Amino acid sequence: MLSRRHFVMTTAALFSAPIASPVFANTWPTEAQKAAWDAQVTPAGFNLETSNPWGLHPRFLPTRVVANDGLVPGDIHVDAVARYLYHIEKGGTAMRYGVAIARGKLYEPGTYTIKRKVRWPHWQPTQSMIDRDPELYVDVADGMEPGPENALGSRAFYLFVGDRDTYLRIHGTPHARSIGGLASSGCVRMVMAHINELYPNVEIGSTAFLYSAEDSVSPRS
């Protein structure tokens, strides 16, 4: 059982997607196209901790916080209640990002390994998503090419248990205003400009802890 002691804290208090199947497409964007899309989803004069053209609540802007002792640098911790993702850094700190998690019972707490990460990924809804809401996915049942409107956004981390792909992702989203809410079909969503900054700092083989509501720690003022 994941426990409260795994969470990160500030000096004042403890704070603590759509499911996507891999598409093995024959077409991939060029580096020039990826760079153009990165520029498109990054606000002018972007500052990671202060830029907010999306109108997010200020607490969901990226913030560096103090980490609890014993947390492994490189690991990711997701608080289901506060809607925070923490990336543990060397030196006792963590970067905290606002996220959206799955609606209803689609959120799946657990311990996962990041075994793949992709810049500007393809996306295809799973059959269970199509069966659950066929009208929503009828136009994209065969998948979406990469781009700013793709459901996985600009970056995606692929979560595995052992060698099994869970089809859960931590990914960017074209729907930045969903951050802080219950929005996805299973995954953890981030603002694209935020996950772009996080992406190079996350290594293949890192562990992602997705905590249940019972084990998460809500923010306190």
N, C-alpha and C. Protein backbone atom coordinates (compact mmCIF):
# COMPACT_ATOMS: atom_id res chain seq x y z
N MET A 1 0.85 -1.20 0.00
CA MET A 1 0.00 0.00 0.00
C MET A 1 0.88 1.24 0.00
N LEU A 2 0.61 2.16 -0.90
CA LEU A 2 1.34 3.43 -0.92
C LEU A 2 0.85 4.28 0.23
N SER A 3 1.75 4.93 0.91
CA SER A 3 1.37 5.65 2.12
C SER A 3 1.69 7.13 2.02
N ARG A 4 1.17 7.86 2.99
CA ARG A 4 1.33 9.30 3.02
C ARG A 4 2.79 9.72 3.11
N ARG A 5 3.60 8.91 3.72
CA ARG A 5 4.99 9.31 3.94
C ARG A 5 5.77 9.45 2.64
N HIS A 6 5.22 8.94 1.54
CA HIS A 6 5.92 9.07 0.26
C HIS A 6 5.78 10.46 -0.34
N PHE A 7 4.88 11.26 0.18
CA PHE A 7 4.58 12.52 -0.49
C PHE A 7 5.59 13.61 -0.20
N VAL A 8 5.54 14.63 -1.02
CA VAL A 8 6.43 15.77 -0.88
C VAL A 8 5.78 16.84 -0.02
N MET A 9 6.60 17.69 0.57
CA MET A 9 6.02 18.74 1.38
C MET A 9 6.74 20.05 1.13
N THR A 10 6.00 21.13 1.29
CA THR A 10 6.63 22.44 1.32
C THR A 10 7.11 22.67 2.74
N THR A 11 7.79 23.79 2.97
CA THR A 11 8.25 24.06 4.32
C THR A 11 7.09 24.36 5.25
N ALA A 12 5.91 24.70 4.70
CA ALA A 12 4.77 25.05 5.54
C ALA A 12 3.82 23.89 5.75
N ALA A 13 3.63 23.01 4.75
CA ALA A 13 2.59 21.99 4.86
C ALA A 13 2.82 20.88 3.86
N LEU A 14 2.20 19.73 4.14
CA LEU A 14 2.25 18.62 3.20
C LEU A 14 1.31 18.88 2.03
N PHE A 15 1.76 18.56 0.86
CA PHE A 15 0.91 18.55 -0.31
C PHE A 15 1.07 17.16 -0.92
N SER A 16 0.88 16.99 -0.80
CA SER A 16 1.47 15.76 -1.25
C SER A 16 2.75 16.01 -1.98
N ALA A 17 -6.71 10.50 -18.32
CA ALA A 17 -6.08 10.83 -19.60
C ALA A 17 -6.70 9.93 -20.57
N PRO A 18 -6.68 10.54 -21.42
CA PRO A 18 -7.30 9.38 -22.05
C PRO A 18 -6.35 8.20 -22.10
N ILE A 19 -6.87 6.95 -21.93
CA ILE A 19 -6.04 5.78 -22.14
C ILE A 19 -5.73 5.69 -23.62
N ALA A 20 -4.49 5.44 -23.94
CA ALA A 20 -4.11 5.46 -25.35
C ALA A 20 -3.32 4.22 -25.70
N SER A 21 -3.62 3.63 -26.80
CA SER A 21 -2.85 2.49 -27.27
C SER A 21 -1.79 2.97 -28.23
N PRO A 22 -0.62 2.29 -28.26
CA PRO A 22 0.46 2.75 -29.14
C PRO A 22 0.07 2.57 -30.60
N VAL A 23 0.35 3.55 -31.40
CA VAL A 23 0.09 3.48 -32.83
C VAL A 23 1.43 3.35 -33.54
N PHE A 24 1.61 2.29 -34.26
CA PHE A 24 2.86 2.09 -34.98
C PHE A 24 2.68 2.61 -36.40
N ALA A 25 2.71 3.92 -36.51
CA ALA A 25 2.41 4.57 -37.79
C ALA A 25 3.66 4.62 -38.66
N ASN A 26 3.42 4.75 -39.93
CA ASN A 26 4.52 4.86 -40.88
C ASN A 26 4.99 6.30 -41.06
N THR A 27 4.19 7.25 -40.60
CA THR A 27 4.54 8.66 -40.77
C THR A 27 4.83 9.29 -39.42
N TRP A 28 5.91 10.05 -39.37
CA TRP A 28 6.28 10.78 -38.17
C TRP A 28 6.66 12.20 -38.58
N PRO A 29 6.38 13.17 -37.70
CA PRO A 29 6.74 14.54 -38.04
C PRO A 29 8.26 14.72 -38.09
N THR A 30 8.70 15.64 -38.90
CA THR A 30 10.12 15.97 -38.96
C THR A 30 10.51 16.77 -37.72
N GLU A 31 11.81 16.89 -37.50
CA GLU A 31 12.28 17.69 -36.38
C GLU A 31 11.85 19.14 -36.53
N ALA A 32 11.82 19.63 -37.75
CA ALA A 32 11.39 21.01 -37.99
C ALA A 32 9.91 21.18 -37.61
N GLN A 33 9.09 20.18 -37.96
CA GLN A 33 7.68 20.26 -37.61
C GLN A 33 7.48 20.19 -36.11
N LYS A 34 8.23 19.32 -35.43
CA LYS A 34 8.14 19.23 -33.98
C LYS A 34 8.52 20.55 -33.32
N ALA A 35 9.58 21.17 -33.81
CA ALA A 35 10.01 22.46 -33.27
C ALA A 35 8.96 23.53 -33.49
N ALA A 36 8.31 23.51 -34.65
CA ALA A 36 7.26 24.49 -34.93
C ALA A 36 6.07 24.29 -34.00
N TRP A 37 5.70 23.03 -33.75
CA TRP A 37 4.59 22.76 -32.82
C TRP A 37 4.97 23.16 -31.40
N ASP A 38 6.22 22.89 -31.00
CA ASP A 38 6.66 23.30 -29.66
C ASP A 38 6.49 24.81 -29.49
N ALA A 39 6.88 25.56 -30.51
CA ALA A 39 6.74 27.01 -30.45
C ALA A 39 5.27 27.41 -30.40
N GLN A 40 4.43 26.67 -31.09
CA GLN A 40 2.99 26.99 -31.14
C GLN A 40 2.32 26.82 -29.77
N VAL A 41 2.76 25.81 -28.99
CA VAL A 41 2.10 25.54 -27.71
C VAL A 41 2.83 26.19 -26.53
N THR A 42 3.87 26.95 -26.81
CA THR A 42 4.62 27.62 -25.75
C THR A 42 4.32 29.11 -25.79
N PRO A 43 3.79 29.68 -24.70
CA PRO A 43 3.44 31.11 -24.72
C PRO A 43 4.67 31.99 -24.96
N ALA A 44 4.45 33.12 -25.57
CA ALA A 44 5.53 34.09 -25.78
C ALA A 44 6.11 34.52 -24.44
N GLY A 45 7.43 34.59 -24.35
CA GLY A 45 8.08 34.98 -23.10
C GLY A 45 7.84 33.99 -21.99
N PHE A 46 7.72 32.72 -22.32
CA PHE A 46 7.31 31.70 -21.36
C PHE A 46 8.23 31.62 -20.15
N ASN A 47 7.61 31.67 -18.96
CA ASN A 47 8.28 31.42 -17.69
C ASN A 47 7.55 30.28 -17.03
N LEU A 48 8.24 29.19 -16.73
CA LEU A 48 7.60 27.98 -16.24
C LEU A 48 6.72 28.22 -15.02
N GLU A 49 7.16 29.07 -14.11
CA GLU A 49 6.46 29.22 -12.84
C GLU A 49 5.46 30.37 -12.81
N THR A 50 5.43 31.21 -13.85
CA THR A 50 4.52 32.36 -13.79
C THR A 50 3.61 32.51 -15.00
N SER A 51 4.01 32.00 -16.15
CA SER A 51 3.16 32.16 -17.34
C SER A 51 1.84 31.41 -17.15
N ASN A 52 0.73 32.09 -17.50
CA ASN A 52 -0.57 31.47 -17.27
C ASN A 52 -1.64 31.98 -18.24
N PRO A 53 -1.42 31.84 -19.55
CA PRO A 53 -2.45 32.26 -20.50
C PRO A 53 -3.65 31.33 -20.50
N TRP A 54 -3.54 30.19 -19.81
CA TRP A 54 -4.63 29.21 -19.78
C TRP A 54 -5.66 29.52 -18.69
N GLY A 55 -5.35 30.48 -17.83
CA GLY A 55 -6.28 30.83 -16.75
C GLY A 55 -6.36 29.78 -15.67
N LEU A 56 -5.25 29.07 -15.41
CA LEU A 56 -5.24 28.08 -14.35
C LEU A 56 -5.31 28.73 -12.98
N HIS A 57 -5.85 28.00 -11.99
CA HIS A 57 -5.73 28.48 -10.62
C HIS A 57 -4.23 28.56 -10.30
N PRO A 58 -3.77 29.62 -9.63
CA PRO A 58 -2.33 29.78 -9.39
C PRO A 58 -1.66 28.58 -8.73
N ARG A 59 -2.39 27.81 -7.94
CA ARG A 59 -1.74 26.68 -7.26
C ARG A 59 -1.34 25.57 -8.23
N PHE A 60 -1.89 25.59 -9.45
CA PHE A 60 -1.53 24.57 -10.43
C PHE A 60 -0.35 24.96 -11.31
N LEU A 61 0.21 26.14 -11.08
CA LEU A 61 1.42 26.52 -11.81
C LEU A 61 2.62 25.77 -11.23
N PRO A 62 3.59 25.40 -12.05
CA PRO A 62 4.75 24.66 -11.56
C PRO A 62 5.48 25.42 -10.45
N THR A 63 5.85 24.68 -9.43
CA THR A 63 6.50 25.26 -8.26
C THR A 63 7.53 24.27 -7.73
N ARG A 64 8.69 24.77 -7.35
CA ARG A 64 9.69 23.91 -6.71
C ARG A 64 9.41 23.86 -5.22
N VAL A 65 9.36 22.65 -4.66
CA VAL A 65 9.05 22.46 -3.25
C VAL A 65 10.12 21.60 -2.60
N VAL A 66 10.08 21.52 -1.27
CA VAL A 66 10.98 20.65 -0.52
C VAL A 66 10.41 19.23 -0.52
N ALA A 67 11.27 18.24 -0.71
CA ALA A 67 10.83 16.85 -0.77
C ALA A 67 11.08 16.15 0.56
N ASN A 68 10.21 15.22 0.89
CA ASN A 68 10.44 14.39 2.07
C ASN A 68 11.72 13.59 1.91
N ASP A 69 12.35 13.28 3.01
CA ASP A 69 13.56 12.46 2.99
C ASP A 69 13.24 11.08 2.42
N GLY A 70 14.19 10.53 1.70
CA GLY A 70 14.06 9.16 1.25
C GLY A 70 13.44 8.97 -0.12
N LEU A 71 12.91 10.04 -0.71
CA LEU A 71 12.33 9.91 -2.04
C LEU A 71 13.43 9.83 -3.09
N VAL A 72 13.21 9.03 -4.11
CA VAL A 72 14.25 8.75 -5.10
C VAL A 72 14.24 9.80 -6.20
N PRO A 73 15.35 10.50 -6.40
CA PRO A 73 15.40 11.46 -7.51
C PRO A 73 15.07 10.79 -8.84
N GLY A 74 14.27 11.47 -9.63
CA GLY A 74 13.84 10.95 -10.91
C GLY A 74 12.46 10.34 -10.90
N ASP A 75 11.99 9.92 -9.73
CA ASP A 75 10.65 9.32 -9.64
C ASP A 75 9.56 10.38 -9.73
N ILE A 76 8.38 9.92 -10.08
CA ILE A 76 7.20 10.78 -10.19
C ILE A 76 6.15 10.30 -9.20
N HIS A 77 5.49 11.25 -8.52
CA HIS A 77 4.43 10.95 -7.58
C HIS A 77 3.21 11.79 -7.95
N VAL A 78 2.05 11.15 -8.08
CA VAL A 78 0.82 11.85 -8.46
C VAL A 78 -0.17 11.79 -7.31
N ASP A 79 -0.59 12.95 -6.82
CA ASP A 79 -1.57 13.09 -5.74
C ASP A 79 -2.95 13.22 -6.37
N ALA A 80 -3.81 12.23 -6.14
CA ALA A 80 -5.13 12.20 -6.77
C ALA A 80 -6.08 13.24 -6.20
N VAL A 81 -5.86 13.67 -4.97
CA VAL A 81 -6.77 14.63 -4.35
C VAL A 81 -6.39 16.05 -4.73
N ALA A 82 -5.13 16.40 -4.51
CA ALA A 82 -4.69 17.77 -4.78
C ALA A 82 -4.50 18.03 -6.27
N ARG A 83 -4.43 16.96 -7.09
CA ARG A 83 -4.19 17.07 -8.53
C ARG A 83 -2.80 17.65 -8.79
N TYR A 84 -1.81 17.05 -8.12
CA TYR A 84 -0.43 17.45 -8.30
C TYR A 84 0.40 16.28 -8.79
N LEU A 85 1.37 16.59 -9.65
CA LEU A 85 2.43 15.65 -10.01
C LEU A 85 3.73 16.22 -9.50
N TYR A 86 4.50 15.39 -8.80
CA TYR A 86 5.80 15.79 -8.29
C TYR A 86 6.90 15.01 -9.01
N HIS A 87 7.90 15.71 -9.50
CA HIS A 87 9.08 15.07 -10.06
C HIS A 87 10.22 15.31 -9.09
N ILE A 88 10.73 14.24 -8.48
CA ILE A 88 11.73 14.36 -7.42
C ILE A 88 13.09 14.70 -8.04
N GLU A 89 13.75 15.70 -7.46
CA GLU A 89 15.05 16.16 -7.95
C GLU A 89 16.15 15.80 -6.97
N LYS A 90 17.37 15.85 -7.43
CA LYS A 90 18.51 15.70 -6.53
C LYS A 90 18.58 16.91 -5.60
N GLY A 91 19.10 16.70 -4.41
CA GLY A 91 19.29 17.82 -3.49
C GLY A 91 18.09 18.08 -2.60
N GLY A 92 17.10 17.19 -2.59
CA GLY A 92 15.99 17.34 -1.64
C GLY A 92 14.84 18.21 -2.10
N THR A 93 14.72 18.46 -3.40
CA THR A 93 13.61 19.26 -3.90
C THR A 93 12.79 18.45 -4.91
N ALA A 94 11.66 19.01 -5.27
CA ALA A 94 10.81 18.41 -6.30
C ALA A 94 10.13 19.53 -7.06
N MET A 95 9.89 19.30 -8.35
CA MET A 95 9.05 20.21 -9.11
C MET A 95 7.62 19.69 -9.06
N ARG A 96 6.71 20.58 -8.70
CA ARG A 96 5.29 20.23 -8.57
C ARG A 96 4.51 20.86 -9.71
N TYR A 97 3.70 20.07 -10.38
CA TYR A 97 2.88 20.52 -11.51
C TYR A 97 1.41 20.21 -11.24
N GLY A 98 0.53 21.09 -11.69
CA GLY A 98 -0.88 20.78 -11.67
C GLY A 98 -1.23 19.80 -12.78
N VAL A 99 -2.15 18.88 -12.49
CA VAL A 99 -2.55 17.88 -13.47
C VAL A 99 -4.06 17.69 -13.42
N ALA A 100 -4.58 17.01 -14.43
CA ALA A 100 -5.93 16.46 -14.39
C ALA A 100 -5.80 14.94 -14.35
N ILE A 101 -6.73 14.28 -13.65
CA ILE A 101 -6.71 12.83 -13.60
C ILE A 101 -8.01 12.30 -14.19
N ALA A 102 -8.16 10.99 -14.13
CA ALA A 102 -9.31 10.35 -14.77
C ALA A 102 -10.61 10.63 -14.01
N ARG A 103 -11.68 10.67 -14.78
CA ARG A 103 -12.99 10.85 -14.18
C ARG A 103 -13.53 9.51 -13.66
N GLY A 104 -14.44 9.59 -12.70
CA GLY A 104 -15.10 8.41 -12.17
C GLY A 104 -14.13 7.38 -11.65
N LYS A 105 -14.39 6.12 -12.00
CA LYS A 105 -13.56 5.01 -11.54
C LYS A 105 -12.47 4.63 -12.54
N LEU A 106 -12.20 5.51 -13.49
CA LEU A 106 -11.21 5.21 -14.52
C LEU A 106 -9.77 5.46 -14.06
N TYR A 107 -9.62 6.22 -12.96
CA TYR A 107 -8.29 6.46 -12.41
C TYR A 107 -7.78 5.17 -11.78
N GLU A 108 -6.54 4.79 -12.08
CA GLU A 108 -5.98 3.53 -11.62
C GLU A 108 -4.73 3.76 -10.78
N PRO A 109 -4.89 3.83 -9.43
CA PRO A 109 -3.71 3.97 -8.57
C PRO A 109 -2.78 2.77 -8.73
N GLY A 110 -1.51 3.01 -8.53
CA GLY A 110 -0.56 1.90 -8.62
C GLY A 110 0.85 2.40 -8.78
N THR A 111 1.76 1.46 -8.90
CA THR A 111 3.17 1.75 -9.12
C THR A 111 3.55 1.29 -10.51
N TYR A 112 4.08 2.20 -11.30
CA TYR A 112 4.34 1.93 -12.71
C TYR A 112 5.79 2.28 -13.06
N THR A 113 6.26 1.69 -14.14
CA THR A 113 7.58 2.02 -14.68
C THR A 113 7.41 2.72 -16.02
N ILE A 114 8.13 3.82 -16.19
CA ILE A 114 8.12 4.53 -17.47
C ILE A 114 9.10 3.82 -18.40
N LYS A 115 8.56 3.10 -19.39
CA LYS A 115 9.41 2.32 -20.28
C LYS A 115 9.49 2.91 -21.69
N ARG A 116 8.73 3.96 -21.92
CA ARG A 116 8.79 4.61 -23.23
C ARG A 116 8.39 6.05 -23.05
N LYS A 117 8.98 6.95 -23.80
CA LYS A 117 8.53 8.33 -23.82
C LYS A 117 8.66 8.84 -25.25
N VAL A 118 7.71 9.68 -25.65
CA VAL A 118 7.63 10.09 -27.05
C VAL A 118 7.35 11.59 -27.14
N ARG A 119 8.07 12.23 -28.00
CA ARG A 119 7.85 13.63 -28.32
C ARG A 119 6.91 13.72 -29.51
N TRP A 120 5.78 14.36 -29.34
CA TRP A 120 4.72 14.47 -30.34
C TRP A 120 4.26 13.09 -30.80
N PRO A 121 3.59 12.37 -29.89
CA PRO A 121 3.16 11.00 -30.18
C PRO A 121 1.91 10.92 -31.05
N HIS A 122 1.73 9.73 -31.64
CA HIS A 122 0.45 9.38 -32.23
C HIS A 122 -0.49 8.95 -31.10
N TRP A 123 -1.77 8.82 -31.42
CA TRP A 123 -2.75 8.37 -30.42
C TRP A 123 -3.89 7.64 -31.09
N GLN A 124 -4.39 6.61 -30.39
CA GLN A 124 -5.58 5.90 -30.84
C GLN A 124 -6.38 5.48 -29.62
N PRO A 125 -7.69 5.72 -29.60
CA PRO A 125 -8.48 5.28 -28.44
C PRO A 125 -8.50 3.76 -28.36
N THR A 126 -8.55 3.24 -27.15
CA THR A 126 -8.67 1.80 -26.97
C THR A 126 -10.09 1.36 -27.31
N GLN A 127 -10.25 0.07 -27.50
CA GLN A 127 -11.58 -0.45 -27.81
C GLN A 127 -12.55 -0.21 -26.65
N SER A 128 -12.04 -0.28 -25.42
CA SER A 128 -12.92 -0.04 -24.27
C SER A 128 -13.42 1.40 -24.25
N MET A 129 -12.59 2.34 -24.67
CA MET A 129 -13.02 3.73 -24.76
C MET A 129 -14.11 3.88 -25.82
N ILE A 130 -13.91 3.23 -26.96
CA ILE A 130 -14.89 3.31 -28.04
C ILE A 130 -16.21 2.67 -27.62
N ASP A 131 -16.12 1.52 -26.95
CA ASP A 131 -17.34 0.84 -26.49
C ASP A 131 -18.08 1.68 -25.46
N ARG A 132 -17.34 2.38 -24.62
CA ARG A 132 -17.95 3.16 -23.56
C ARG A 132 -18.62 4.43 -24.09
N ASP A 133 -18.04 5.03 -25.12
CA ASP A 133 -18.57 6.29 -25.63
C ASP A 133 -18.36 6.35 -27.15
N PRO A 134 -19.09 5.53 -27.91
CA PRO A 134 -18.82 5.43 -29.36
C PRO A 134 -18.99 6.74 -30.11
N GLU A 135 -19.94 7.58 -29.73
CA GLU A 135 -20.15 8.82 -30.46
C GLU A 135 -18.97 9.77 -30.30
N LEU A 136 -18.34 9.73 -29.13
CA LEU A 136 -17.21 10.63 -28.88
C LEU A 136 -16.01 10.25 -29.73
N TYR A 137 -15.83 8.95 -29.96
CA TYR A 137 -14.61 8.49 -30.61
C TYR A 137 -14.80 8.03 -32.05
N VAL A 138 -16.00 8.17 -32.59
CA VAL A 138 -16.27 7.63 -33.92
C VAL A 138 -15.34 8.23 -34.98
N ASP A 139 -15.01 9.49 -34.86
CA ASP A 139 -14.19 10.15 -35.88
C ASP A 139 -12.69 9.91 -35.71
N VAL A 140 -12.29 9.34 -34.57
CA VAL A 140 -10.86 9.13 -34.32
C VAL A 140 -10.55 7.67 -34.00
N ALA A 141 -11.48 6.77 -34.30
CA ALA A 141 -11.30 5.36 -33.95
C ALA A 141 -10.05 4.77 -34.58
N ASP A 142 -9.65 5.29 -35.75
CA ASP A 142 -8.46 4.78 -36.43
C ASP A 142 -7.19 5.51 -36.00
N GLY A 143 -7.31 6.43 -35.06
CA GLY A 143 -6.13 7.10 -34.54
C GLY A 143 -6.00 8.54 -35.02
N MET A 144 -5.11 9.27 -34.36
CA MET A 144 -4.83 10.66 -34.68
C MET A 144 -3.34 10.82 -34.95
N GLU A 145 -3.02 11.58 -35.96
CA GLU A 145 -1.63 11.91 -36.23
C GLU A 145 -1.13 12.90 -35.17
N PRO A 146 0.18 12.99 -34.97
CA PRO A 146 0.72 13.95 -34.01
C PRO A 146 0.35 15.38 -34.38
N GLY A 147 0.32 16.23 -33.37
CA GLY A 147 0.04 17.65 -33.58
C GLY A 147 -0.59 18.27 -32.36
N PRO A 148 -0.74 19.59 -32.35
CA PRO A 148 -1.27 20.29 -31.17
C PRO A 148 -2.68 19.90 -30.77
N GLU A 149 -3.47 19.30 -31.68
CA GLU A 149 -4.82 18.87 -31.33
C GLU A 149 -4.90 17.40 -30.95
N ASN A 150 -3.79 16.69 -31.04
CA ASN A 150 -3.77 15.28 -30.67
C ASN A 150 -4.06 15.12 -29.19
N ALA A 151 -4.80 14.07 -28.82
CA ALA A 151 -5.21 13.88 -27.43
C ALA A 151 -4.05 13.70 -26.47
N LEU A 152 -2.90 13.21 -26.96
CA LEU A 152 -1.73 13.06 -26.09
C LEU A 152 -0.85 14.30 -26.09
N GLY A 153 -1.21 15.27 -26.88
CA GLY A 153 -0.48 16.52 -26.86
C GLY A 153 0.95 16.38 -27.35
N SER A 154 1.83 17.12 -26.71
CA SER A 154 3.20 17.28 -27.20
C SER A 154 4.19 16.24 -26.69
N ARG A 155 3.89 15.61 -25.57
CA ARG A 155 4.81 14.63 -24.98
C ARG A 155 3.98 13.57 -24.27
N ALA A 156 4.53 12.35 -24.18
CA ALA A 156 3.84 11.29 -23.46
C ALA A 156 4.85 10.36 -22.80
N PHE A 157 4.57 10.00 -21.55
CA PHE A 157 5.30 8.96 -20.84
C PHE A 157 4.39 7.73 -20.76
N TYR A 158 4.90 6.57 -21.15
CA TYR A 158 4.11 5.35 -21.26
C TYR A 158 4.34 4.49 -20.00
N LEU A 159 3.27 4.16 -19.30
CA LEU A 159 3.37 3.48 -18.01
C LEU A 159 3.18 1.97 -18.17
N PHE A 160 4.13 1.22 -17.63
CA PHE A 160 4.12 -0.24 -17.71
C PHE A 160 4.10 -0.84 -16.31
N VAL A 161 3.60 -2.06 -16.22
CA VAL A 161 3.78 -2.93 -15.06
C VAL A 161 4.55 -4.14 -15.55
N GLY A 162 5.80 -4.27 -15.13
CA GLY A 162 6.66 -5.28 -15.73
C GLY A 162 6.83 -4.97 -17.21
N ASP A 163 6.58 -5.98 -18.06
CA ASP A 163 6.66 -5.77 -19.49
C ASP A 163 5.31 -5.49 -20.13
N ARG A 164 4.30 -5.30 -19.30
CA ARG A 164 2.94 -5.08 -19.82
C ARG A 164 2.63 -3.60 -19.91
N ASP A 165 2.28 -3.16 -21.11
CA ASP A 165 1.84 -1.79 -21.31
C ASP A 165 0.44 -1.67 -20.74
N THR A 166 0.27 -0.73 -19.80
CA THR A 166 -1.04 -0.56 -19.17
C THR A 166 -1.97 0.32 -20.00
N TYR A 167 -1.45 0.96 -21.05
CA TYR A 167 -2.17 1.95 -21.85
C TYR A 167 -2.49 3.21 -21.05
N LEU A 168 -1.88 3.34 -19.89
CA LEU A 168 -1.95 4.58 -19.13
C LEU A 168 -0.77 5.44 -19.52
N ARG A 169 -1.01 6.74 -19.56
CA ARG A 169 0.03 7.69 -19.95
C ARG A 169 0.02 8.89 -19.02
N ILE A 170 1.16 9.53 -18.88
CA ILE A 170 1.26 10.90 -18.39
C ILE A 170 1.55 11.71 -19.65
N HIS A 171 0.69 12.65 -19.99
CA HIS A 171 0.82 13.27 -21.31
C HIS A 171 0.33 14.71 -21.32
N GLY A 172 0.70 15.41 -22.36
CA GLY A 172 0.20 16.75 -22.57
C GLY A 172 -1.25 16.71 -23.05
N THR A 173 -1.92 17.84 -22.98
CA THR A 173 -3.30 17.88 -23.43
C THR A 173 -3.59 19.19 -24.15
N PRO A 174 -4.38 19.13 -25.22
CA PRO A 174 -4.83 20.38 -25.86
C PRO A 174 -5.92 21.08 -25.05
N HIS A 175 -6.36 20.45 -23.96
CA HIS A 175 -7.43 21.01 -23.13
C HIS A 175 -6.85 21.44 -21.78
N ALA A 176 -6.04 22.49 -21.83
CA ALA A 176 -5.33 22.92 -20.63
C ALA A 176 -6.27 23.33 -19.50
N ARG A 177 -7.46 23.79 -19.84
CA ARG A 177 -8.39 24.23 -18.79
C ARG A 177 -8.95 23.06 -17.99
N SER A 178 -8.67 21.84 -18.41
CA SER A 178 -9.10 20.68 -17.62
C SER A 178 -8.19 20.42 -16.43
N ILE A 179 -7.03 21.07 -16.38
CA ILE A 179 -6.08 20.86 -15.30
C ILE A 179 -6.73 21.21 -13.95
N GLY A 180 -6.54 20.29 -13.00
CA GLY A 180 -7.15 20.46 -11.69
C GLY A 180 -8.44 19.69 -11.55
N GLY A 181 -8.91 19.08 -12.64
CA GLY A 181 -10.19 18.40 -12.61
C GLY A 181 -10.09 16.91 -12.85
N LEU A 182 -11.27 16.30 -13.00
CA LEU A 182 -11.40 14.89 -13.35
C LEU A 182 -11.86 14.87 -14.80
N ALA A 183 -10.98 14.51 -15.70
CA ALA A 183 -11.28 14.77 -17.11
C ALA A 183 -10.97 13.62 -18.05
N SER A 184 -9.95 12.83 -17.78
CA SER A 184 -9.47 11.88 -18.77
C SER A 184 -10.16 10.52 -18.64
N SER A 185 -9.78 9.61 -19.53
CA SER A 185 -10.30 8.24 -19.49
C SER A 185 -9.32 7.29 -18.82
N GLY A 186 -8.41 7.82 -18.04
CA GLY A 186 -7.48 6.97 -17.30
C GLY A 186 -6.13 7.60 -17.06
N CYS A 187 -5.70 8.49 -17.94
CA CYS A 187 -4.34 9.02 -17.88
C CYS A 187 -4.25 10.26 -17.00
N VAL A 188 -3.01 10.73 -16.86
CA VAL A 188 -2.71 11.96 -16.13
C VAL A 188 -2.35 13.02 -17.16
N ARG A 189 -3.10 14.12 -17.16
CA ARG A 189 -2.89 15.20 -18.14
C ARG A 189 -2.06 16.33 -17.56
N MET A 190 -1.25 16.94 -18.43
CA MET A 190 -0.47 18.11 -18.07
C MET A 190 -0.60 19.17 -19.16
N VAL A 191 -0.37 20.42 -18.79
CA VAL A 191 -0.25 21.50 -19.77
C VAL A 191 0.93 21.17 -20.68
N MET A 192 0.77 21.36 -21.97
CA MET A 192 1.83 20.98 -22.90
C MET A 192 3.14 21.72 -22.64
N ALA A 193 3.07 23.00 -22.38
CA ALA A 193 4.30 23.75 -22.11
C ALA A 193 4.99 23.24 -20.85
N HIS A 194 4.22 22.71 -19.90
CA HIS A 194 4.80 22.18 -18.66
C HIS A 194 5.46 20.83 -18.89
N ILE A 195 4.77 19.92 -19.59
CA ILE A 195 5.36 18.60 -19.81
C ILE A 195 6.56 18.70 -20.76
N ASN A 196 6.57 19.71 -21.62
CA ASN A 196 7.75 19.91 -22.47
C ASN A 196 8.99 20.19 -21.64
N GLU A 197 8.82 20.94 -20.55
CA GLU A 197 9.94 21.24 -19.66
C GLU A 197 10.33 20.01 -18.84
N LEU A 198 9.33 19.23 -18.44
CA LEU A 198 9.58 18.04 -17.63
C LEU A 198 10.25 16.93 -18.44
N TYR A 199 9.88 16.79 -19.67
CA TYR A 199 10.24 15.65 -20.53
C TYR A 199 11.72 15.28 -20.51
N PRO A 200 12.63 16.22 -20.74
CA PRO A 200 14.05 15.83 -20.80
C PRO A 200 14.61 15.40 -19.45
N ASN A 201 13.91 15.69 -18.36
CA ASN A 201 14.39 15.37 -17.03
C ASN A 201 13.91 14.01 -16.52
N VAL A 202 13.05 13.34 -17.29
CA VAL A 202 12.52 12.03 -16.90
C VAL A 202 13.21 10.96 -17.71
N GLU A 203 13.82 10.00 -17.02
CA GLU A 203 14.57 8.95 -17.70
C GLU A 203 13.73 7.68 -17.84
N ILE A 204 13.98 6.95 -18.91
CA ILE A 204 13.36 5.63 -19.07
C ILE A 204 13.78 4.76 -17.88
N GLY A 205 12.83 4.04 -17.31
CA GLY A 205 13.10 3.22 -16.14
C GLY A 205 12.71 3.88 -14.83
N SER A 206 12.32 5.16 -14.88
CA SER A 206 11.86 5.84 -13.67
C SER A 206 10.53 5.26 -13.21
N THR A 207 10.25 5.40 -11.93
CA THR A 207 9.02 4.88 -11.35
C THR A 207 8.00 6.01 -11.20
N ALA A 208 6.76 5.70 -11.53
CA ALA A 208 5.65 6.65 -11.35
C ALA A 208 4.67 6.06 -10.35
N PHE A 209 4.44 6.77 -9.25
CA PHE A 209 3.50 6.35 -8.21
C PHE A 209 2.21 7.14 -8.40
N LEU A 210 1.13 6.47 -8.70
CA LEU A 210 -0.18 7.11 -8.78
C LEU A 210 -0.95 6.72 -7.52
N TYR A 211 -1.15 7.68 -6.62
CA TYR A 211 -1.74 7.40 -5.33
C TYR A 211 -3.26 7.43 -5.40
N SER A 212 -3.87 6.62 -4.58
CA SER A 212 -5.32 6.63 -4.46
C SER A 212 -5.76 7.84 -3.66
N ALA A 213 -7.06 8.14 -3.70
CA ALA A 213 -7.58 9.27 -2.91
C ALA A 213 -7.35 9.05 -1.42
N GLU A 214 -7.41 7.79 -0.98
CA GLU A 214 -7.23 7.51 0.44
C GLU A 214 -5.79 7.74 0.88
N ASP A 215 -4.84 7.55 -0.01
CA ASP A 215 -3.43 7.68 0.34
C ASP A 215 -2.85 9.03 -0.05
N SER A 216 -3.62 9.85 -0.74
CA SER A 216 -3.14 11.17 -1.14
C SER A 216 -3.28 12.15 0.01
N VAL A 217 -2.51 13.22 -0.05
CA VAL A 217 -2.56 14.26 0.97
C VAL A 217 -3.04 15.54 0.33
N SER A 218 -4.17 16.04 0.78
CA SER A 218 -4.72 17.28 0.23
C SER A 218 -3.91 18.47 0.70
N PRO A 219 -3.86 19.53 -0.09
CA PRO A 219 -3.12 20.73 0.31
C PRO A 219 -3.79 21.42 1.49
N ARG A 220 -2.98 21.98 2.34
CA ARG A 220 -3.49 22.75 3.46
C ARG A 220 -2.83 24.13 3.44
N SER A 221 -3.57 25.14 3.74
CA SER A 221 -2.98 26.47 3.76
C SER A 221 -2.28 26.70 5.08
